[in-house]
C-alpha cells in the first residue's frame, strides 16, 4: 500500500507542530525542513485546520500549532482525511463497482482484510508517538529551519 505525498507531508506538518508545541510553526519551516513547495504546505495546513487538528494564526508573526494534544491525534484518522476512502481495489466502492464477482471473490476479501490490518496499525499510532523522540528529531530539524533552502514553487 502506498500513501500519497500529500498524506506524508500532512503527517510531517503535524509532527513538526508537536515538536514545537505550544509554539507556532511557520509554513516556511515545513518548506525548509522537507524541501517542499510552499503552496502545497499552505493547502495541507488549511485542510488540517478545517479538520480541527491545527490552529492557524494569520499575520506577519503567524503560523500554526496543534489544536489538540498530540496524543489525541490518531495517524489513521488523519490518513482517512488526507487519502479519502481506501478503495484499494475497484470492488471496495459499491457505487462504482462493475466487478461481477462481488461477494464471492476471495481476492477482494483478502484485500479488505489487508487494508483493515494496515489501518489498524495506524489507528494505534498518534502524532505524539511519532514525535516522542523529540530531541533526536529537533537536532536534525532545527538547522534546516534556520538555513532555508530555495524551493521551486
N, C-alpha and C. Protein backbone atom coordinates (compact mmCIF):
# COMPACT_ATOMS: atom_id res chain seq x y z
N UNK A 1 0.85 -1.17 0.00
CA UNK A 1 0.00 0.00 0.00
C UNK A 1 0.89 1.23 0.00
N UNK A 2 0.55 2.20 -0.79
CA UNK A 2 1.35 3.41 -0.88
C UNK A 2 0.47 4.62 -0.61
N UNK A 3 0.96 5.48 0.27
CA UNK A 3 0.25 6.72 0.57
C UNK A 3 0.75 7.83 -0.33
N UNK A 4 -0.07 8.84 -0.51
CA UNK A 4 0.32 9.98 -1.32
C UNK A 4 1.32 10.86 -0.55
N UNK A 5 2.06 11.65 -1.30
CA UNK A 5 2.95 12.63 -0.67
C UNK A 5 2.14 13.61 0.18
N UNK A 6 0.94 13.90 -0.25
CA UNK A 6 0.07 14.81 0.49
C UNK A 6 -0.12 14.32 1.93
N UNK A 7 -0.42 13.04 2.08
CA UNK A 7 -0.59 12.47 3.42
C UNK A 7 0.71 12.49 4.21
N UNK A 8 1.81 12.15 3.55
CA UNK A 8 3.11 12.17 4.21
C UNK A 8 3.42 13.56 4.74
N UNK A 9 3.21 14.59 3.93
CA UNK A 9 3.53 15.95 4.35
C UNK A 9 2.54 16.47 5.39
N UNK A 10 1.32 15.97 5.36
CA UNK A 10 0.35 16.33 6.40
C UNK A 10 0.85 15.78 7.75
N UNK A 11 1.29 14.54 7.74
CA UNK A 11 1.81 13.95 8.97
C UNK A 11 3.08 14.65 9.42
N UNK A 12 3.94 15.03 8.48
CA UNK A 12 5.18 15.75 8.83
C UNK A 12 4.86 17.12 9.41
N UNK A 13 3.84 17.78 8.89
CA UNK A 13 3.44 19.09 9.42
C UNK A 13 2.92 18.96 10.84
N UNK A 14 2.12 17.94 11.08
CA UNK A 14 1.61 17.69 12.43
C UNK A 14 2.74 17.31 13.38
N UNK A 15 3.68 16.51 12.89
CA UNK A 15 4.82 16.12 13.71
C UNK A 15 5.64 17.34 14.09
N UNK A 16 5.90 18.23 13.15
CA UNK A 16 6.68 19.43 13.43
C UNK A 16 5.95 20.32 14.44
N UNK A 17 4.62 20.42 14.29
CA UNK A 17 3.85 21.20 15.26
C UNK A 17 3.95 20.58 16.65
N UNK A 18 3.93 19.25 16.73
CA UNK A 18 4.05 18.58 18.02
C UNK A 18 5.42 18.82 18.64
N UNK A 19 6.45 18.82 17.82
CA UNK A 19 7.81 19.04 18.32
C UNK A 19 7.99 20.45 18.88
N UNK A 20 7.28 21.41 18.33
CA UNK A 20 7.41 22.81 18.76
C UNK A 20 6.31 23.26 19.71
N UNK A 21 5.38 22.36 20.02
CA UNK A 21 4.24 22.74 20.87
C UNK A 21 4.71 23.32 22.19
N UNK A 22 4.05 24.34 22.67
CA UNK A 22 2.85 25.01 22.18
C UNK A 22 3.13 26.19 21.24
N UNK A 23 4.39 26.33 20.83
CA UNK A 23 4.76 27.47 19.97
C UNK A 23 4.22 27.30 18.56
N UNK A 24 4.16 28.40 17.85
CA UNK A 24 3.73 28.38 16.45
C UNK A 24 4.85 27.86 15.56
N UNK A 25 4.46 27.18 14.50
CA UNK A 25 5.37 26.74 13.45
C UNK A 25 4.99 27.52 12.21
N UNK A 26 5.97 27.99 11.48
CA UNK A 26 5.69 28.71 10.23
C UNK A 26 5.62 27.71 9.09
N UNK A 27 4.79 28.02 8.12
CA UNK A 27 4.72 27.18 6.91
C UNK A 27 6.11 27.07 6.30
N UNK A 28 6.86 28.17 6.32
CA UNK A 28 8.20 28.16 5.75
C UNK A 28 9.14 27.20 6.46
N UNK A 29 8.88 26.93 7.75
CA UNK A 29 9.69 25.94 8.45
C UNK A 29 9.49 24.55 7.84
N UNK A 30 8.24 24.20 7.56
CA UNK A 30 7.95 22.90 6.94
C UNK A 30 8.58 22.85 5.55
N UNK A 31 8.45 23.95 4.81
CA UNK A 31 9.02 24.04 3.46
C UNK A 31 10.52 23.83 3.50
N UNK A 32 11.19 24.49 4.43
CA UNK A 32 12.65 24.39 4.53
C UNK A 32 13.11 23.02 5.00
N UNK A 33 12.44 22.46 5.98
CA UNK A 33 12.86 21.17 6.52
C UNK A 33 12.70 20.06 5.50
N UNK A 34 11.57 20.07 4.79
CA UNK A 34 11.27 18.96 3.89
C UNK A 34 11.46 19.29 2.40
N UNK A 35 11.96 20.52 2.13
CA UNK A 35 12.26 20.95 0.75
C UNK A 35 11.03 20.78 -0.16
N UNK A 36 9.94 21.44 0.25
CA UNK A 36 8.68 21.33 -0.46
C UNK A 36 8.24 22.68 -1.01
N UNK A 37 7.29 22.64 -1.89
CA UNK A 37 6.72 23.87 -2.43
C UNK A 37 5.75 24.48 -1.41
N UNK A 38 5.87 25.76 -1.19
CA UNK A 38 5.06 26.46 -0.20
C UNK A 38 3.56 26.31 -0.42
N UNK A 39 3.06 26.48 -1.66
CA UNK A 39 1.60 26.36 -1.86
C UNK A 39 1.05 24.99 -1.43
N UNK A 40 1.86 23.97 -1.60
CA UNK A 40 1.46 22.62 -1.20
C UNK A 40 1.24 22.55 0.31
N UNK A 41 2.17 23.11 1.07
CA UNK A 41 2.07 23.09 2.53
C UNK A 41 0.94 23.99 3.01
N UNK A 42 0.75 25.13 2.36
CA UNK A 42 -0.36 26.02 2.73
C UNK A 42 -1.69 25.28 2.60
N UNK A 43 -1.85 24.52 1.53
CA UNK A 43 -3.08 23.75 1.31
C UNK A 43 -3.25 22.69 2.40
N UNK A 44 -2.18 22.00 2.73
CA UNK A 44 -2.23 20.96 3.76
C UNK A 44 -2.59 21.56 5.12
N UNK A 45 -1.93 22.65 5.49
CA UNK A 45 -2.19 23.29 6.78
C UNK A 45 -3.64 23.77 6.84
N UNK A 46 -4.13 24.31 5.74
CA UNK A 46 -5.52 24.77 5.69
C UNK A 46 -6.48 23.59 5.93
N UNK A 47 -6.25 22.48 5.24
CA UNK A 47 -7.13 21.31 5.41
C UNK A 47 -7.06 20.75 6.82
N UNK A 48 -5.87 20.68 7.38
CA UNK A 48 -5.72 20.17 8.75
C UNK A 48 -6.36 21.12 9.76
N UNK A 49 -6.36 22.41 9.45
CA UNK A 49 -7.05 23.38 10.29
C UNK A 49 -8.56 23.19 10.23
N UNK A 50 -9.08 22.99 9.03
CA UNK A 50 -10.52 22.76 8.87
C UNK A 50 -10.96 21.48 9.56
N UNK A 51 -10.08 20.50 9.59
CA UNK A 51 -10.41 19.22 10.23
C UNK A 51 -10.28 19.28 11.75
N UNK A 52 -9.77 20.40 12.28
CA UNK A 52 -9.67 20.56 13.73
C UNK A 52 -8.37 20.07 14.34
N UNK A 53 -7.39 19.73 13.50
CA UNK A 53 -6.11 19.25 14.02
C UNK A 53 -5.12 20.38 14.27
N UNK A 54 -5.23 21.45 13.50
CA UNK A 54 -4.32 22.59 13.64
C UNK A 54 -5.11 23.86 13.91
N UNK A 55 -4.50 24.72 14.69
CA UNK A 55 -4.99 26.08 14.88
C UNK A 55 -4.07 26.97 14.05
N UNK A 56 -4.64 27.79 13.21
CA UNK A 56 -3.82 28.67 12.37
C UNK A 56 -3.94 30.10 12.84
N UNK A 57 -2.83 30.83 12.76
CA UNK A 57 -2.77 32.23 13.16
C UNK A 57 -2.25 33.01 11.97
N UNK A 58 -3.05 33.97 11.51
CA UNK A 58 -2.67 34.77 10.36
C UNK A 58 -1.75 35.92 10.76
N UNK A 59 -1.11 36.48 9.77
CA UNK A 59 -0.32 37.68 10.01
C UNK A 59 1.17 37.43 9.95
N UNK A 60 1.89 38.54 10.10
CA UNK A 60 3.34 38.51 9.98
C UNK A 60 4.01 37.52 10.93
N UNK A 61 3.53 37.46 12.14
CA UNK A 61 4.09 36.53 13.13
C UNK A 61 3.21 35.30 13.29
N UNK A 62 2.46 34.98 12.26
CA UNK A 62 1.53 33.87 12.32
C UNK A 62 2.20 32.53 12.09
N UNK A 63 1.37 31.54 12.01
CA UNK A 63 1.83 30.18 11.80
C UNK A 63 0.73 29.22 12.19
N UNK A 64 1.12 28.05 12.64
CA UNK A 64 0.14 27.07 13.07
C UNK A 64 0.68 26.28 14.26
N UNK A 65 -0.26 25.71 15.01
CA UNK A 65 0.08 24.85 16.15
C UNK A 65 -1.00 23.79 16.25
N UNK A 66 -0.72 22.76 17.03
CA UNK A 66 -1.72 21.72 17.22
C UNK A 66 -2.94 22.30 17.90
N UNK A 67 -4.11 21.90 17.46
CA UNK A 67 -5.36 22.35 18.06
C UNK A 67 -5.80 21.43 19.20
N UNK A 68 -5.15 20.29 19.30
CA UNK A 68 -5.43 19.35 20.38
C UNK A 68 -4.13 18.66 20.77
N UNK A 69 -4.17 17.94 21.85
CA UNK A 69 -2.98 17.24 22.32
C UNK A 69 -2.50 16.24 21.27
N UNK A 70 -1.19 16.16 21.08
CA UNK A 70 -0.60 15.27 20.07
C UNK A 70 -1.00 13.82 20.30
N UNK A 71 -1.21 13.44 21.55
CA UNK A 71 -1.60 12.07 21.85
C UNK A 71 -3.06 11.77 21.52
N UNK A 72 -3.80 12.80 21.19
CA UNK A 72 -5.20 12.63 20.81
C UNK A 72 -5.41 12.67 19.30
N UNK A 73 -4.34 12.84 18.55
CA UNK A 73 -4.44 12.88 17.08
C UNK A 73 -3.94 11.53 16.56
N UNK A 74 -4.86 10.75 16.06
CA UNK A 74 -4.59 9.39 15.59
C UNK A 74 -4.17 9.43 14.12
N UNK A 75 -3.04 8.83 13.83
CA UNK A 75 -2.50 8.82 12.47
C UNK A 75 -3.50 8.24 11.48
N UNK A 76 -4.16 7.15 11.84
CA UNK A 76 -5.16 6.55 10.95
C UNK A 76 -6.27 7.52 10.59
N UNK A 77 -6.71 8.32 11.56
CA UNK A 77 -7.77 9.30 11.30
C UNK A 77 -7.30 10.38 10.33
N UNK A 78 -6.07 10.83 10.51
CA UNK A 78 -5.52 11.84 9.61
C UNK A 78 -5.46 11.29 8.19
N UNK A 79 -5.01 10.06 8.05
CA UNK A 79 -4.91 9.45 6.72
C UNK A 79 -6.27 9.27 6.06
N UNK A 80 -7.28 8.98 6.84
CA UNK A 80 -8.62 8.85 6.27
C UNK A 80 -9.09 10.18 5.68
N UNK A 81 -8.63 11.28 6.27
CA UNK A 81 -8.98 12.61 5.75
C UNK A 81 -8.15 12.94 4.52
N UNK A 82 -6.85 12.71 4.60
CA UNK A 82 -5.97 13.13 3.51
C UNK A 82 -5.98 12.17 2.32
N UNK A 83 -6.28 10.92 2.56
CA UNK A 83 -6.30 9.93 1.48
C UNK A 83 -7.71 9.71 0.93
N UNK A 84 -8.71 10.00 1.73
CA UNK A 84 -10.07 9.67 1.31
C UNK A 84 -10.31 8.19 1.51
N UNK A 85 -11.30 7.64 0.84
CA UNK A 85 -11.59 6.22 1.04
C UNK A 85 -10.42 5.34 0.60
N UNK A 86 -10.19 4.29 1.33
CA UNK A 86 -9.13 3.34 0.99
C UNK A 86 -9.70 2.26 0.08
N UNK A 87 -10.05 2.65 -1.11
CA UNK A 87 -10.57 1.72 -2.12
C UNK A 87 -9.39 1.12 -2.87
N UNK A 88 -8.78 0.12 -2.26
CA UNK A 88 -7.58 -0.49 -2.82
C UNK A 88 -7.88 -1.17 -4.16
N UNK A 89 -9.06 -1.76 -4.24
CA UNK A 89 -9.50 -2.38 -5.50
C UNK A 89 -10.89 -1.85 -5.83
N UNK A 90 -11.25 -1.95 -7.08
CA UNK A 90 -12.49 -1.38 -7.59
C UNK A 90 -13.72 -1.80 -6.79
N UNK A 91 -13.78 -3.05 -6.39
CA UNK A 91 -14.99 -3.56 -5.75
C UNK A 91 -15.19 -3.05 -4.32
N UNK A 92 -14.24 -2.31 -3.77
CA UNK A 92 -14.42 -1.73 -2.44
C UNK A 92 -15.50 -0.64 -2.47
N UNK A 93 -15.66 0.01 -3.62
CA UNK A 93 -16.62 1.10 -3.74
C UNK A 93 -17.90 0.56 -4.37
N UNK A 94 -18.91 0.41 -3.56
CA UNK A 94 -20.17 -0.19 -4.03
C UNK A 94 -20.86 0.67 -5.09
N UNK A 95 -20.58 1.98 -5.09
CA UNK A 95 -21.22 2.87 -6.06
C UNK A 95 -20.62 2.76 -7.46
N UNK A 96 -19.34 2.44 -7.54
CA UNK A 96 -18.68 2.39 -8.86
C UNK A 96 -18.25 1.00 -9.28
N UNK A 97 -18.50 0.01 -8.45
CA UNK A 97 -18.08 -1.35 -8.75
C UNK A 97 -18.76 -1.89 -10.01
N UNK A 98 -17.96 -2.49 -10.87
CA UNK A 98 -18.51 -3.16 -12.05
C UNK A 98 -18.12 -4.64 -12.07
N UNK A 99 -17.46 -5.09 -11.03
CA UNK A 99 -16.98 -6.48 -10.98
C UNK A 99 -18.15 -7.44 -10.71
N UNK A 100 -18.29 -8.46 -11.54
CA UNK A 100 -19.38 -9.42 -11.34
C UNK A 100 -19.11 -10.41 -10.21
N UNK A 101 -17.91 -10.36 -9.63
CA UNK A 101 -17.54 -11.34 -8.60
C UNK A 101 -17.78 -10.84 -7.18
N UNK A 102 -18.38 -9.67 -7.06
CA UNK A 102 -18.59 -9.07 -5.74
C UNK A 102 -19.34 -10.05 -4.84
N UNK A 103 -18.83 -10.18 -3.63
CA UNK A 103 -19.46 -11.05 -2.65
C UNK A 103 -18.93 -12.48 -2.64
N UNK A 104 -18.28 -12.92 -3.71
CA UNK A 104 -17.77 -14.29 -3.75
C UNK A 104 -16.26 -14.34 -4.01
N UNK A 105 -15.66 -13.20 -4.25
CA UNK A 105 -14.25 -13.14 -4.62
C UNK A 105 -13.35 -13.22 -3.39
N UNK A 106 -12.49 -14.21 -3.36
CA UNK A 106 -11.57 -14.38 -2.24
C UNK A 106 -10.46 -13.33 -2.26
N UNK A 107 -10.09 -12.86 -3.44
CA UNK A 107 -9.08 -11.79 -3.53
C UNK A 107 -9.61 -10.52 -2.88
N UNK A 108 -10.83 -10.16 -3.19
CA UNK A 108 -11.44 -8.96 -2.61
C UNK A 108 -11.49 -9.06 -1.09
N UNK A 109 -11.88 -10.22 -0.59
CA UNK A 109 -11.94 -10.42 0.86
C UNK A 109 -10.55 -10.27 1.49
N UNK A 110 -9.54 -10.83 0.85
CA UNK A 110 -8.17 -10.72 1.37
C UNK A 110 -7.69 -9.28 1.34
N UNK A 111 -8.02 -8.56 0.27
CA UNK A 111 -7.61 -7.15 0.17
C UNK A 111 -8.30 -6.31 1.26
N UNK A 112 -9.55 -6.62 1.56
CA UNK A 112 -10.24 -5.90 2.63
C UNK A 112 -9.59 -6.18 3.98
N UNK A 113 -9.23 -7.42 4.23
CA UNK A 113 -8.54 -7.77 5.48
C UNK A 113 -7.20 -7.05 5.58
N UNK A 114 -6.45 -7.04 4.49
CA UNK A 114 -5.14 -6.38 4.48
C UNK A 114 -5.28 -4.89 4.74
N UNK A 115 -6.26 -4.26 4.13
CA UNK A 115 -6.49 -2.83 4.32
C UNK A 115 -6.87 -2.55 5.77
N UNK A 116 -7.72 -3.37 6.33
CA UNK A 116 -8.13 -3.19 7.73
C UNK A 116 -6.93 -3.39 8.66
N UNK A 117 -6.06 -4.34 8.36
CA UNK A 117 -4.87 -4.56 9.20
C UNK A 117 -3.92 -3.36 9.11
N UNK A 118 -3.74 -2.84 7.91
CA UNK A 118 -2.91 -1.66 7.69
C UNK A 118 -3.42 -0.49 8.52
N UNK A 119 -4.71 -0.21 8.41
CA UNK A 119 -5.29 0.91 9.14
C UNK A 119 -5.30 0.66 10.64
N UNK A 120 -5.44 -0.58 11.06
CA UNK A 120 -5.44 -0.91 12.48
C UNK A 120 -4.11 -0.52 13.14
N UNK A 121 -3.02 -0.79 12.46
CA UNK A 121 -1.70 -0.40 12.98
C UNK A 121 -1.61 1.11 13.12
N UNK A 122 -2.10 1.83 12.11
CA UNK A 122 -2.03 3.29 12.12
C UNK A 122 -3.04 3.90 13.09
N UNK A 123 -4.09 3.16 13.41
CA UNK A 123 -5.06 3.62 14.41
C UNK A 123 -4.50 3.51 15.83
N UNK A 124 -3.42 2.75 15.99
CA UNK A 124 -2.76 2.63 17.29
C UNK A 124 -1.58 3.60 17.43
N UNK A 125 -1.41 4.47 16.45
CA UNK A 125 -0.29 5.40 16.42
C UNK A 125 -0.81 6.83 16.47
N UNK A 126 -0.19 7.65 17.31
CA UNK A 126 -0.61 9.06 17.40
C UNK A 126 0.53 9.98 16.95
N UNK A 127 0.18 11.23 16.77
CA UNK A 127 1.21 12.23 16.45
C UNK A 127 2.19 12.32 17.62
N UNK A 128 1.69 12.14 18.83
CA UNK A 128 2.58 12.12 19.99
C UNK A 128 3.61 11.01 19.89
N UNK A 129 3.20 9.87 19.38
CA UNK A 129 4.13 8.74 19.20
C UNK A 129 5.22 9.08 18.19
N UNK A 130 4.83 9.69 17.06
CA UNK A 130 5.83 9.96 16.02
C UNK A 130 6.70 11.17 16.34
N UNK A 131 6.35 11.86 17.43
CA UNK A 131 7.19 12.98 17.88
C UNK A 131 7.85 12.67 19.22
N UNK A 132 7.76 11.43 19.66
CA UNK A 132 8.24 11.08 21.01
C UNK A 132 9.76 11.14 21.15
N UNK A 133 10.49 10.99 20.06
CA UNK A 133 11.95 11.14 20.13
C UNK A 133 12.33 12.58 19.76
N UNK A 134 11.69 13.50 20.48
CA UNK A 134 11.74 14.94 20.21
C UNK A 134 13.16 15.48 20.01
N UNK A 135 14.05 15.16 20.91
CA UNK A 135 15.37 15.78 20.86
C UNK A 135 16.20 15.27 19.69
N UNK A 136 16.05 14.01 19.35
CA UNK A 136 16.73 13.47 18.16
C UNK A 136 16.20 14.15 16.90
N UNK A 137 14.88 14.26 16.82
CA UNK A 137 14.27 14.88 15.64
C UNK A 137 14.65 16.35 15.53
N UNK A 138 14.57 17.07 16.65
CA UNK A 138 14.90 18.50 16.62
C UNK A 138 16.37 18.75 16.28
N UNK A 139 17.26 17.84 16.69
CA UNK A 139 18.68 18.04 16.37
C UNK A 139 18.91 18.06 14.86
N UNK A 140 18.07 17.38 14.10
CA UNK A 140 18.19 17.39 12.64
C UNK A 140 17.34 18.49 12.00
N UNK A 141 16.23 18.82 12.63
CA UNK A 141 15.28 19.77 12.05
C UNK A 141 15.70 21.22 12.25
N UNK A 142 16.14 21.58 13.44
CA UNK A 142 16.42 22.98 13.75
C UNK A 142 17.44 23.61 12.78
N UNK A 143 18.54 22.93 12.45
CA UNK A 143 19.47 23.56 11.48
C UNK A 143 18.81 23.79 10.11
N UNK A 144 17.88 22.96 9.72
CA UNK A 144 17.20 23.13 8.44
C UNK A 144 16.22 24.28 8.48
N UNK A 145 15.60 24.51 9.62
CA UNK A 145 14.67 25.63 9.77
C UNK A 145 15.42 26.96 9.67
N UNK A 146 16.61 26.99 10.23
CA UNK A 146 17.37 28.24 10.26
C UNK A 146 18.15 28.50 8.98
N UNK A 147 18.38 27.47 8.18
CA UNK A 147 19.10 27.62 6.92
C UNK A 147 18.15 27.27 5.77
N UNK A 148 17.32 28.22 5.39
CA UNK A 148 16.33 27.92 4.37
C UNK A 148 16.94 27.46 3.05
N UNK A 149 16.22 26.57 2.41
CA UNK A 149 16.60 26.05 1.10
C UNK A 149 15.64 26.65 0.09
N UNK A 150 16.14 27.07 -1.05
CA UNK A 150 15.27 27.60 -2.08
C UNK A 150 14.51 26.44 -2.72
N UNK A 151 13.19 26.60 -2.80
CA UNK A 151 12.34 25.56 -3.33
C UNK A 151 11.56 26.10 -4.51
N UNK A 152 11.43 25.32 -5.55
CA UNK A 152 10.64 25.73 -6.71
C UNK A 152 9.18 25.80 -6.32
N UNK A 153 8.49 26.85 -6.69
CA UNK A 153 7.07 27.00 -6.39
C UNK A 153 6.34 26.22 -7.41
